[in-house]
Amino acid sequence: MIADAEDLANELSSHILRNLAPNSEKVLRPFSSAEAAELLGVSTANLRKLHHDGKIPEVTGGTTGRKLYTAQELIEIREALAKQARNPLAYLPGRREGEQMQVICAITFKGGSGKSTSTVHLAQRFALKGYRVLVIDMDPQASLSTLMGLRPEIDLYERGTIYDVLRYDEGRIGMEQVIRPTHFPSLDLCPGGLILSEYETETPTALRHGDPEPFYTRLRSALSTVDHRYDLVFVDCPPQLGFLTLTAMTAATSLVVPVIPNMIDVASLAQFMTMASSALTQIANAGGEFDYDFMRYLLCRYEPTDGPQTQVSAFLRNIFPGRVMTSPFLKSTAIADAGLTSDTIYEIDRAQVNRATLNRALESINLVSAELERELHKAWGRAA
């Protein structure tokens, strides 16, 4: 087993170095006029007219008849449109004074549910839509950090993860010190890594010794120091109910529970929810405070033509009326293909993927994010 572990680790390191060279950086692809219009919430005809009338900045990419927009250029266009609009929120939808920073925690009890993949795509989508977003990787496997362009085995071997914010010894540092910008404007990352597993073993010791700051307040306290910087925080938890997950859940304002619609995963979900409810009750009895604005179940890796999945989806909707999100994350070869090189569908070369397949995957993400956005606006008290 030891030899197998070493061989696998060496091969994974080689694969990472081949696909993400030491000095390379992730690049966000430019967006077509149609994509830019959709992200901005205008029609393509209106976008062309805005350019023609000089009401928005010009873009540098593409050709005369085919413009290409960078994410930064989209931000500049949003700002120009907001200055001219009766309702600036239509273009700059981030929270306003008096609205609470939303901390959305993705939790599950079973690996392979699509939790990290859906979290990173949602975070990227919201950043492209004009929100200031932070992603926190609380999973020792650090899959989300890898998707965001880091090599945890190399870049985060000693320091620089969320563990350094939560740890109990004198090595603890502030949240600002571990947050990293990404290749998505308005999207930052607080990475995870294998060192996070230490938190699971250190927390029981801290509880026995009566640490003045218990685990269920540590992340919330850290987030309060960066509250002014973000509208949304997405937290990707490990697929288990340990202290890392509970720490995230007690800092969250809302929960999203990804679940694959089959009976094995539903049975796992039932166990998870029972255990989580018991643990949160104990935390509340110890003085912990939490009050979720909403909790939603997100169907992931969904195949509309799969009969059993359709039946299980209906089963869940019947049990949790109004709490299972209407739009599912579809199972997509476009997302799977992108993941082979640790990319998302916003980064993969469009020429490498079937256009119809890519568009279906994007539509799925767009629909889920739009539904989640409506929940966020309700939590902020905005009119529908």
Protein backbone atom coordinates (compact mmCIF):
# COMPACT_ATOMS: atom_id res chain seq x y z
CA MET A 1 0.00 0.00 0.00
CA ILE A 2 2.82 2.42 0.85
CA ALA A 3 4.47 1.78 -2.52
CA ASP A 4 1.15 2.30 -4.32
CA ALA A 5 0.59 5.56 -2.47
CA GLU A 6 4.04 6.83 -3.45
CA ASP A 7 3.61 5.79 -7.08
CA LEU A 8 0.21 7.46 -7.30
CA ALA A 9 1.45 10.66 -5.63
CA ASN A 10 4.41 10.86 -8.02
CA GLU A 11 2.22 10.35 -11.08
CA LEU A 12 -0.29 12.95 -9.89
CA SER A 13 2.51 15.45 -9.34
CA SER A 14 3.80 14.79 -12.84
CA HIS A 15 0.30 15.22 -14.28
CA ILE A 16 -0.15 18.52 -12.45
CA LEU A 17 3.21 19.82 -13.62
CA ARG A 18 2.44 18.82 -17.22
CA ASN A 19 -0.93 20.54 -17.25
CA LEU A 20 -0.07 23.48 -15.02
CA ALA A 21 3.59 24.33 -15.40
CA PRO A 22 5.33 25.99 -12.42
CA ASN A 23 5.27 29.48 -13.93
CA SER A 24 1.98 29.17 -15.79
CA GLU A 25 -1.18 31.01 -14.81
CA LYS A 26 -4.78 30.17 -15.44
CA VAL A 27 -6.41 32.30 -18.09
CA LEU A 28 -10.06 33.21 -18.35
CA ARG A 29 -11.23 33.01 -21.93
CA PRO A 30 -12.86 36.06 -23.53
CA PHE A 31 -16.60 36.13 -24.06
CA SER A 32 -18.54 36.53 -27.28
CA SER A 33 -21.04 39.35 -27.80
CA ALA A 34 -23.92 36.96 -27.10
CA GLU A 35 -22.32 35.76 -23.85
CA ALA A 36 -21.47 39.32 -22.81
CA ALA A 37 -25.04 40.47 -23.46
CA GLU A 38 -26.44 37.60 -21.39
CA LEU A 39 -24.09 38.35 -18.48
CA LEU A 40 -24.93 42.06 -18.62
CA GLY A 41 -28.67 41.44 -18.89
CA VAL A 42 -29.16 43.21 -22.23
CA SER A 43 -29.95 42.01 -25.73
CA THR A 44 -27.19 41.62 -28.29
CA ALA A 45 -28.87 44.29 -30.43
CA ASN A 46 -28.91 46.68 -27.49
CA LEU A 47 -25.25 45.90 -26.75
CA ARG A 48 -24.31 46.79 -30.32
CA LYS A 49 -26.32 50.04 -30.09
CA LEU A 50 -24.66 50.98 -26.81
CA HIS A 51 -21.28 50.61 -28.49
CA HIS A 52 -22.43 52.55 -31.55
CA ASP A 53 -23.74 55.41 -29.39
CA GLY A 54 -20.55 55.53 -27.33
CA LYS A 55 -22.39 54.88 -24.07
CA ILE A 56 -20.12 52.05 -22.98
CA PRO A 57 -16.35 51.50 -23.28
CA GLU A 58 -15.00 49.83 -26.39
CA VAL A 59 -13.37 46.42 -26.16
CA THR A 60 -9.94 45.44 -27.41
CA GLY A 61 -10.54 41.87 -28.50
CA GLY A 62 -12.00 40.30 -31.61
CA THR A 63 -12.52 41.79 -35.02
CA THR A 64 -14.65 44.62 -36.39
CA GLY A 65 -17.64 42.37 -36.84
CA ARG A 66 -17.02 40.03 -33.91
CA LYS A 67 -16.15 41.56 -30.56
CA LEU A 68 -14.62 39.61 -27.68
CA TYR A 69 -14.97 40.79 -24.09
CA THR A 70 -12.63 40.20 -21.18
CA ALA A 71 -14.07 39.87 -17.67
CA GLN A 72 -12.45 43.16 -16.70
CA GLU A 73 -14.05 44.90 -19.67
CA LEU A 74 -17.43 43.55 -18.57
CA ILE A 75 -16.90 45.14 -15.16
CA GLU A 76 -16.11 48.49 -16.79
CA ILE A 77 -19.23 48.22 -18.97
CA ARG A 78 -21.34 47.39 -15.90
CA GLU A 79 -20.08 50.49 -14.14
CA ALA A 80 -20.87 52.66 -17.18
CA LEU A 81 -24.38 51.21 -17.49
CA ALA A 82 -25.05 51.62 -13.76
CA LYS A 83 -24.25 55.34 -13.95
CA GLN A 84 -26.86 55.78 -16.69
CA ALA A 85 -29.54 53.48 -15.28
CA ARG A 86 -32.58 54.34 -13.18
CA ASN A 87 -31.88 51.13 -11.27
CA PRO A 88 -28.10 50.69 -10.85
CA LEU A 89 -28.71 47.35 -9.10
CA ALA A 90 -29.57 45.88 -12.49
CA TYR A 91 -25.91 46.14 -13.42
CA LEU A 92 -24.11 46.26 -10.07
CA PRO A 93 -26.20 43.82 -8.02
CA GLY A 94 -23.91 43.51 -5.00
CA ARG A 95 -25.22 44.11 -1.52
CA ARG A 96 -26.00 47.58 -0.26
CA GLU A 97 -25.72 49.16 3.16
CA GLY A 98 -27.69 47.18 5.70
CA GLU A 99 -27.57 43.94 3.67
CA GLN A 100 -25.69 41.07 5.27
CA MET A 101 -22.79 39.35 3.54
CA GLN A 102 -24.17 35.99 2.47
CA VAL A 103 -22.11 32.94 3.46
CA ILE A 104 -23.33 29.95 1.45
CA CYS A 105 -22.08 26.61 2.72
CA ALA A 106 -22.10 23.57 0.40
CA ILE A 107 -22.42 20.42 2.50
CA THR A 108 -22.82 16.73 1.77
CA PHE A 109 -22.05 13.36 3.32
CA LYS A 110 -20.91 11.60 0.17
CA GLY A 111 -17.97 12.18 -2.14
CA GLY A 112 -18.53 12.43 -5.88
CA SER A 113 -21.73 14.43 -5.53
CA GLY A 114 -20.45 17.29 -7.67
CA LYS A 115 -20.17 19.58 -4.64
CA SER A 116 -16.82 21.19 -5.46
CA THR A 117 -17.56 21.41 -9.17
CA SER A 118 -20.92 23.07 -8.65
CA THR A 119 -19.49 25.41 -6.00
CA VAL A 120 -16.66 26.68 -8.18
CA HIS A 121 -18.91 27.17 -11.22
CA LEU A 122 -21.49 29.05 -9.16
CA ALA A 123 -18.80 31.26 -7.63
CA GLN A 124 -17.39 32.06 -11.06
CA ARG A 125 -20.82 32.75 -12.48
CA PHE A 126 -21.70 35.18 -9.68
CA ALA A 127 -18.38 36.98 -10.11
CA LEU A 128 -19.10 37.38 -13.83
CA LYS A 129 -22.56 38.69 -12.95
CA GLY A 130 -21.10 41.58 -10.98
CA TYR A 131 -20.85 40.31 -7.40
CA ARG A 132 -17.75 40.43 -5.19
CA VAL A 133 -17.14 36.78 -4.30
CA LEU A 134 -14.87 34.86 -1.96
CA VAL A 135 -14.51 31.07 -2.11
CA ILE A 136 -13.22 29.15 0.92
CA ASP A 137 -11.94 25.60 0.46
CA MET A 138 -12.50 23.74 3.75
CA ASP A 139 -11.79 20.32 2.23
CA PRO A 140 -8.38 18.72 2.94
CA GLN A 141 -8.56 17.18 -0.55
CA ALA A 142 -8.47 20.77 -1.91
CA SER A 143 -10.25 19.87 -5.15
CA LEU A 144 -11.71 23.36 -5.39
CA SER A 145 -8.29 24.97 -4.88
CA THR A 146 -6.94 22.84 -7.71
CA LEU A 147 -9.79 23.90 -10.00
CA MET A 148 -8.97 27.51 -9.14
CA GLY A 149 -5.41 27.12 -10.41
CA LEU A 150 -3.38 26.17 -7.32
CA ARG A 151 -1.27 23.08 -6.79
CA PRO A 152 -1.92 22.30 -3.12
CA GLU A 153 0.80 19.62 -3.00
CA ILE A 154 3.36 22.25 -4.05
CA ASP A 155 2.03 25.76 -3.45
CA LEU A 156 0.44 25.13 -0.06
CA TYR A 157 2.82 22.62 1.48
CA GLU A 158 3.72 24.73 4.51
CA ARG A 159 1.39 27.72 4.89
CA GLY A 160 -1.31 29.75 3.21
CA THR A 161 -4.55 27.80 3.70
CA ILE A 162 -7.71 28.39 5.69
CA TYR A 163 -6.13 26.15 8.35
CA ASP A 164 -3.77 28.99 9.27
CA VAL A 165 -6.82 31.14 10.03
CA LEU A 166 -8.52 28.50 12.19
CA ARG A 167 -5.59 26.87 14.00
CA TYR A 168 -5.31 27.01 17.78
CA ASP A 169 -1.61 27.74 18.31
CA GLU A 170 0.49 30.87 17.99
CA GLY A 171 0.78 30.32 14.22
CA ARG A 172 -2.76 31.58 13.64
CA ILE A 173 -2.96 34.49 11.20
CA GLY A 174 -5.65 36.78 9.83
CA MET A 175 -8.00 36.06 6.95
CA GLU A 176 -6.51 38.84 4.83
CA GLN A 177 -3.16 37.04 4.86
CA VAL A 178 -4.38 33.87 3.13
CA ILE A 179 -6.86 35.30 0.62
CA ARG A 180 -5.54 35.15 -2.93
CA PRO A 181 -6.85 36.91 -6.03
CA THR A 182 -7.76 34.66 -8.95
CA HIS A 183 -7.82 35.08 -12.72
CA PHE A 184 -11.50 36.04 -12.35
CA PRO A 185 -11.89 39.72 -11.44
CA SER A 186 -14.04 40.07 -8.30
CA LEU A 187 -13.35 36.45 -7.27
CA ASP A 188 -10.87 35.63 -4.49
CA LEU A 189 -9.86 32.30 -2.98
CA CYS A 190 -9.00 31.15 0.52
CA PRO A 191 -7.43 27.78 -0.30
CA GLY A 192 -7.53 24.42 1.42
CA GLY A 193 -4.99 21.65 1.74
CA LEU A 194 -4.15 18.40 3.46
CA ILE A 195 -3.02 20.30 6.58
CA LEU A 196 -6.73 20.94 7.29
CA SER A 197 -6.98 17.38 8.58
CA GLU A 198 -4.98 18.60 11.61
CA TYR A 199 -7.93 20.77 12.59
CA GLU A 200 -10.07 17.66 13.05
CA THR A 201 -7.62 16.25 15.62
CA GLU A 202 -6.74 19.53 17.32
CA THR A 203 -10.30 20.67 17.96
CA PRO A 204 -11.21 17.93 20.51
CA THR A 205 -8.06 18.82 22.46
CA ALA A 206 -9.00 22.51 22.39
CA LEU A 207 -12.50 21.66 23.63
CA ARG A 208 -11.10 19.66 26.55
CA HIS A 209 -8.78 22.51 27.49
CA GLY A 210 -11.55 25.07 27.24
CA ASP A 211 -10.09 27.26 24.49
CA PRO A 212 -11.61 30.76 24.87
CA GLU A 213 -12.64 30.82 21.22
CA PRO A 214 -14.50 27.56 20.42
CA PHE A 215 -14.46 26.05 16.95
CA TYR A 216 -17.99 27.17 16.13
CA THR A 217 -17.04 30.86 16.28
CA ARG A 218 -13.63 30.78 14.57
CA LEU A 219 -14.63 31.05 10.91
CA ARG A 220 -17.43 33.52 11.61
CA SER A 221 -14.96 35.70 13.52
CA ALA A 222 -12.43 35.53 10.68
CA LEU A 223 -15.05 36.43 8.07
CA SER A 224 -16.08 39.50 10.04
CA THR A 225 -12.66 41.00 9.29
CA VAL A 226 -13.28 40.89 5.52
CA ASP A 227 -17.00 41.64 5.58
CA HIS A 228 -16.46 44.95 3.77
CA ARG A 229 -14.82 43.26 0.79
CA TYR A 230 -17.45 40.77 -0.37
CA ASP A 231 -21.10 40.30 -1.22
CA LEU A 232 -21.04 36.50 -1.24
CA VAL A 233 -18.87 33.80 0.30
CA PHE A 234 -19.06 30.21 -0.92
CA VAL A 235 -17.65 27.57 1.44
CA ASP A 236 -16.83 24.12 0.06
CA CYS A 237 -16.86 21.55 2.89
CA PRO A 238 -15.41 18.05 3.06
CA PRO A 239 -17.85 15.19 2.36
CA GLN A 240 -18.19 14.29 6.03
CA LEU A 241 -19.65 15.71 9.21
CA GLY A 242 -16.56 16.69 11.18
CA PHE A 243 -15.36 19.82 12.89
CA LEU A 244 -14.45 21.45 9.57
CA THR A 245 -18.00 21.10 8.29
CA LEU A 246 -19.54 22.17 11.59
CA THR A 247 -17.24 25.19 11.73
CA ALA A 248 -18.46 26.21 8.28
CA MET A 249 -22.12 25.50 9.02
CA THR A 250 -22.08 27.71 12.12
CA ALA A 251 -20.58 30.57 10.08
CA ALA A 252 -23.07 30.17 7.24
CA THR A 253 -26.10 32.30 6.55
CA SER A 254 -27.48 29.77 4.05
CA LEU A 255 -26.95 26.12 3.11
CA VAL A 256 -26.90 24.34 -0.24
CA VAL A 257 -26.95 20.54 -0.13
CA PRO A 258 -25.88 18.87 -3.38
CA VAL A 259 -27.36 15.42 -3.88
CA ILE A 260 -27.29 12.95 -6.75
CA PRO A 261 -30.86 11.69 -7.25
CA ASN A 262 -30.40 8.00 -6.56
CA MET A 263 -31.50 6.03 -3.52
CA ILE A 264 -28.00 5.33 -2.20
CA ASP A 265 -27.19 9.03 -2.10
CA VAL A 266 -30.61 9.86 -0.64
CA ALA A 267 -30.06 7.30 2.14
CA SER A 268 -26.66 8.91 2.81
CA LEU A 269 -28.36 12.32 2.88
CA ALA A 270 -30.84 11.09 5.51
CA GLN A 271 -27.99 9.95 7.78
CA PHE A 272 -26.13 13.21 7.27
CA MET A 273 -29.13 15.39 8.09
CA THR A 274 -29.91 13.39 11.24
CA MET A 275 -26.32 13.66 12.49
CA ALA A 276 -26.00 17.34 11.51
CA SER A 277 -29.23 18.25 13.32
CA SER A 278 -28.02 16.54 16.48
CA ALA A 279 -24.61 18.23 16.31
CA LEU A 280 -26.08 21.68 15.70
CA THR A 281 -28.45 21.24 18.62
CA GLN A 282 -25.50 20.51 20.90
CA ILE A 283 -23.67 23.57 19.57
CA ALA A 284 -26.74 25.72 20.21
CA ASN A 285 -26.94 24.38 23.77
CA ALA A 286 -23.29 25.37 24.23
CA GLY A 287 -24.03 28.93 23.17
CA GLY A 288 -23.55 28.76 19.42
CA GLU A 289 -25.81 30.95 17.32
CA PHE A 290 -26.95 30.34 13.76
CA ASP A 291 -30.01 31.26 11.78
CA TYR A 292 -30.15 30.28 8.11
CA ASP A 293 -31.84 32.54 5.58
CA PHE A 294 -32.53 29.50 3.42
CA MET A 295 -31.57 25.88 2.87
CA ARG A 296 -31.86 24.32 -0.57
CA TYR A 297 -31.22 20.87 -2.00
CA LEU A 298 -29.43 20.96 -5.35
CA LEU A 299 -29.78 17.98 -7.69
CA CYS A 300 -26.36 17.31 -9.21
CA ARG A 301 -25.08 15.13 -12.05
CA TYR A 302 -28.68 14.94 -13.20
CA GLU A 303 -29.61 13.10 -16.40
CA PRO A 304 -33.11 14.07 -17.59
CA THR A 305 -33.48 10.86 -19.62
CA ASP A 306 -32.68 8.63 -16.63
CA GLY A 307 -35.99 7.22 -15.40
CA PRO A 308 -34.88 6.26 -11.87
CA GLN A 309 -33.28 9.68 -11.37
CA THR A 310 -36.52 11.35 -12.42
CA GLN A 311 -38.45 9.24 -9.91
CA VAL A 312 -36.03 9.99 -7.07
CA SER A 313 -36.13 13.69 -7.93
CA ALA A 314 -39.93 13.65 -7.66
CA PHE A 315 -39.59 11.73 -4.38
CA LEU A 316 -37.33 14.46 -2.94
CA ARG A 317 -39.56 17.28 -4.16
CA ASN A 318 -42.51 15.62 -2.47
CA ILE A 319 -40.65 15.31 0.86
CA PHE A 320 -39.10 18.80 0.73
CA PRO A 321 -41.70 20.95 -1.05
CA GLY A 322 -40.19 24.25 -2.16
CA ARG A 323 -36.72 23.37 -0.87
CA VAL A 324 -35.42 21.29 -3.79
CA MET A 325 -34.13 23.71 -6.38
CA THR A 326 -36.16 23.67 -9.57
CA SER A 327 -33.08 23.69 -11.80
CA PRO A 328 -30.57 20.83 -11.50
CA PHE A 329 -26.91 20.71 -12.40
CA LEU A 330 -26.84 18.47 -15.43
CA LYS A 331 -24.31 15.71 -15.84
CA SER A 332 -22.15 17.01 -18.67
CA THR A 333 -19.23 15.71 -20.69
CA ALA A 334 -18.22 19.37 -21.18
CA ILE A 335 -17.61 19.78 -17.45
CA ALA A 336 -15.94 16.37 -17.21
CA ASP A 337 -13.65 17.13 -20.15
CA ALA A 338 -12.70 20.50 -18.67
CA GLY A 339 -11.93 18.82 -15.36
CA LEU A 340 -9.30 16.59 -16.96
CA THR A 341 -7.03 19.64 -17.13
CA SER A 342 -8.34 21.17 -13.87
CA ASP A 343 -10.37 23.73 -15.80
CA THR A 344 -13.95 24.94 -15.61
CA ILE A 345 -16.16 25.48 -18.62
CA TYR A 346 -15.34 29.19 -18.48
CA GLU A 347 -11.66 28.39 -19.07
CA ILE A 348 -11.70 25.48 -21.49
CA ASP A 349 -11.08 26.21 -25.16
CA ARG A 350 -14.51 26.25 -26.78
CA ALA A 351 -13.06 24.63 -29.89
CA GLN A 352 -12.25 21.51 -27.85
CA VAL A 353 -15.85 20.89 -26.81
CA ASN A 354 -18.98 20.17 -28.77
CA ARG A 355 -20.82 23.49 -29.01
CA ALA A 356 -24.25 22.10 -28.17
CA THR A 357 -22.85 20.17 -25.20
CA LEU A 358 -21.09 23.26 -23.87
CA ASN A 359 -24.19 25.41 -24.28
CA ARG A 360 -26.31 22.87 -22.37
CA ALA A 361 -23.81 22.87 -19.51
CA LEU A 362 -23.69 26.66 -19.42
CA GLU A 363 -27.48 26.89 -19.50
CA SER A 364 -27.69 24.50 -16.56
CA ILE A 365 -25.26 26.62 -14.51
CA ASN A 366 -27.05 29.81 -15.50
CA LEU A 367 -30.44 28.50 -14.41
CA VAL A 368 -29.16 27.25 -11.04
CA SER A 369 -27.35 30.52 -10.36
CA ALA A 370 -30.41 32.58 -11.33
CA GLU A 371 -32.55 30.59 -8.90
CA LEU A 372 -29.95 30.99 -6.16
CA GLU A 373 -29.70 34.70 -6.91
CA ARG A 374 -33.43 35.09 -6.29
CA GLU A 375 -33.00 33.44 -2.89
CA LEU A 376 -30.16 35.81 -2.07
CA HIS A 377 -32.23 38.83 -3.00
CA LYS A 378 -35.07 37.60 -0.78
CA ALA A 379 -32.59 37.23 2.07
CA TRP A 380 -31.51 40.83 1.48
CA GLY A 381 -35.14 41.93 1.53
CA ARG A 382 -35.25 43.04 -2.07
CA ALA A 383 -38.53 43.01 -3.96
CA ALA A 384 -38.93 40.14 -6.42
